[in-house]
Amino acid sequence: MELVSIGFGGLVAAQRLIAVVSPDSAPVKRLIAEARDRSMLIDATYGRKTAAVLLMDSDHVILSGLPLEKLAPRFGMDPAALEEEA
């Protein structure tokens, strides 16, 4: 099992990750609220502003204080590819 740092000492299992999304849209904010209600929300921001939301296959939602541009290389993605798709 490969553990990947999501910042400030937090680690997640890379194999369990489904998606990393921005926290700014209304649907993602609803997803966070629903996860909080179901006790499936993990706040790994350590008091910082939420910069990325990680969706796991276990139905957990993880909040990270690091932006997607910094998380992508840790999961083996090219940050330049993210800009091309935007």
Protein backbone atom coordinates (compact mmCIF):
# COMPACT_ATOMS: atom_id res chain seq x y z
CA MET A 1 0.00 0.00 0.00
CA GLU A 2 1.52 3.29 -1.13
CA LEU A 3 0.89 6.21 1.21
CA VAL A 4 1.06 9.71 -0.28
CA SER A 5 1.48 12.93 1.69
CA ILE A 6 -1.42 15.36 1.38
CA GLY A 7 0.38 17.99 3.40
CA PHE A 8 1.12 18.89 7.00
CA GLY A 9 1.74 15.28 8.06
CA GLY A 10 -1.42 13.77 6.53
CA LEU A 11 -1.15 10.62 4.42
CA VAL A 12 -3.65 8.79 2.21
CA ALA A 13 -3.52 5.45 0.40
CA ALA A 14 -2.97 6.26 -3.28
CA GLN A 15 -4.84 3.12 -4.45
CA ARG A 16 -8.02 4.23 -2.65
CA LEU A 17 -8.18 7.68 -4.28
CA ILE A 18 -10.98 8.24 -6.81
CA ALA A 19 -10.71 11.98 -7.51
CA VAL A 20 -9.19 15.26 -6.39
CA VAL A 21 -11.44 18.27 -6.93
CA SER A 22 -11.55 21.97 -6.14
CA PRO A 23 -13.67 22.94 -3.13
CA ASP A 24 -15.15 26.03 -4.79
CA SER A 25 -18.22 24.70 -6.61
CA ALA A 26 -21.65 24.31 -5.04
CA PRO A 27 -21.89 20.55 -5.74
CA VAL A 28 -18.59 19.92 -3.97
CA LYS A 29 -19.70 22.05 -1.03
CA ARG A 30 -22.87 19.91 -0.81
CA LEU A 31 -20.74 16.77 -0.99
CA ILE A 32 -18.64 18.04 1.93
CA ALA A 33 -21.75 18.89 3.97
CA GLU A 34 -23.27 15.45 3.30
CA ALA A 35 -20.02 13.72 4.27
CA ARG A 36 -19.94 15.75 7.50
CA ASP A 37 -23.51 14.68 8.30
CA ARG A 38 -22.62 11.02 7.71
CA SER A 39 -19.38 11.32 9.76
CA MET A 40 -17.35 10.48 6.66
CA LEU A 41 -15.45 13.78 6.47
CA ILE A 42 -11.77 13.93 7.37
CA ASP A 43 -10.38 17.44 7.80
CA ALA A 44 -6.63 17.27 7.08
CA THR A 45 -6.23 21.02 6.55
CA TYR A 46 -4.76 21.54 10.02
CA GLY A 47 -6.54 24.87 10.35
CA ARG A 48 -5.69 26.16 6.89
CA LYS A 49 -8.09 27.03 4.09
CA THR A 50 -9.33 24.01 2.13
CA ALA A 51 -7.50 23.95 -1.20
CA ALA A 52 -8.42 20.46 -2.47
CA VAL A 53 -11.01 17.78 -1.75
CA LEU A 54 -10.04 14.13 -2.08
CA LEU A 55 -12.75 11.55 -2.75
CA MET A 56 -11.92 8.03 -1.63
CA ASP A 57 -13.41 4.67 -2.65
CA SER A 58 -14.45 4.09 0.97
CA ASP A 59 -16.90 7.01 0.60
CA HIS A 60 -14.71 9.22 2.79
CA VAL A 61 -14.17 12.85 1.81
CA ILE A 62 -10.81 14.32 2.80
CA LEU A 63 -10.05 18.03 2.93
CA SER A 64 -6.47 19.10 2.18
CA GLY A 65 -4.77 22.45 2.67
CA LEU A 66 -2.53 21.87 -0.35
CA PRO A 67 -3.78 22.88 -3.81
CA LEU A 68 -4.22 20.37 -6.62
CA GLU A 69 -1.10 21.69 -8.37
CA LYS A 70 1.03 20.52 -5.43
CA LEU A 71 -0.85 17.26 -4.88
CA ALA A 72 -0.79 16.09 -8.52
CA PRO A 73 2.95 15.24 -8.68
CA ARG A 74 2.65 13.28 -5.45
CA PHE A 75 0.08 11.02 -7.15
CA GLY A 76 2.21 10.72 -10.30
CA MET A 77 0.32 13.26 -12.40
CA ASP A 78 1.88 16.05 -14.47
CA PRO A 79 0.67 19.48 -13.23
CA ALA A 80 1.02 20.84 -16.78
CA ALA A 81 -1.62 18.36 -17.95
CA LEU A 82 -4.06 19.87 -15.44
CA GLU A 83 -3.69 23.31 -17.04
CA GLU A 84 -4.28 21.91 -20.54
CA GLU A 85 -7.61 20.37 -19.52
CA ALA A 86 -8.88 23.50 -17.76
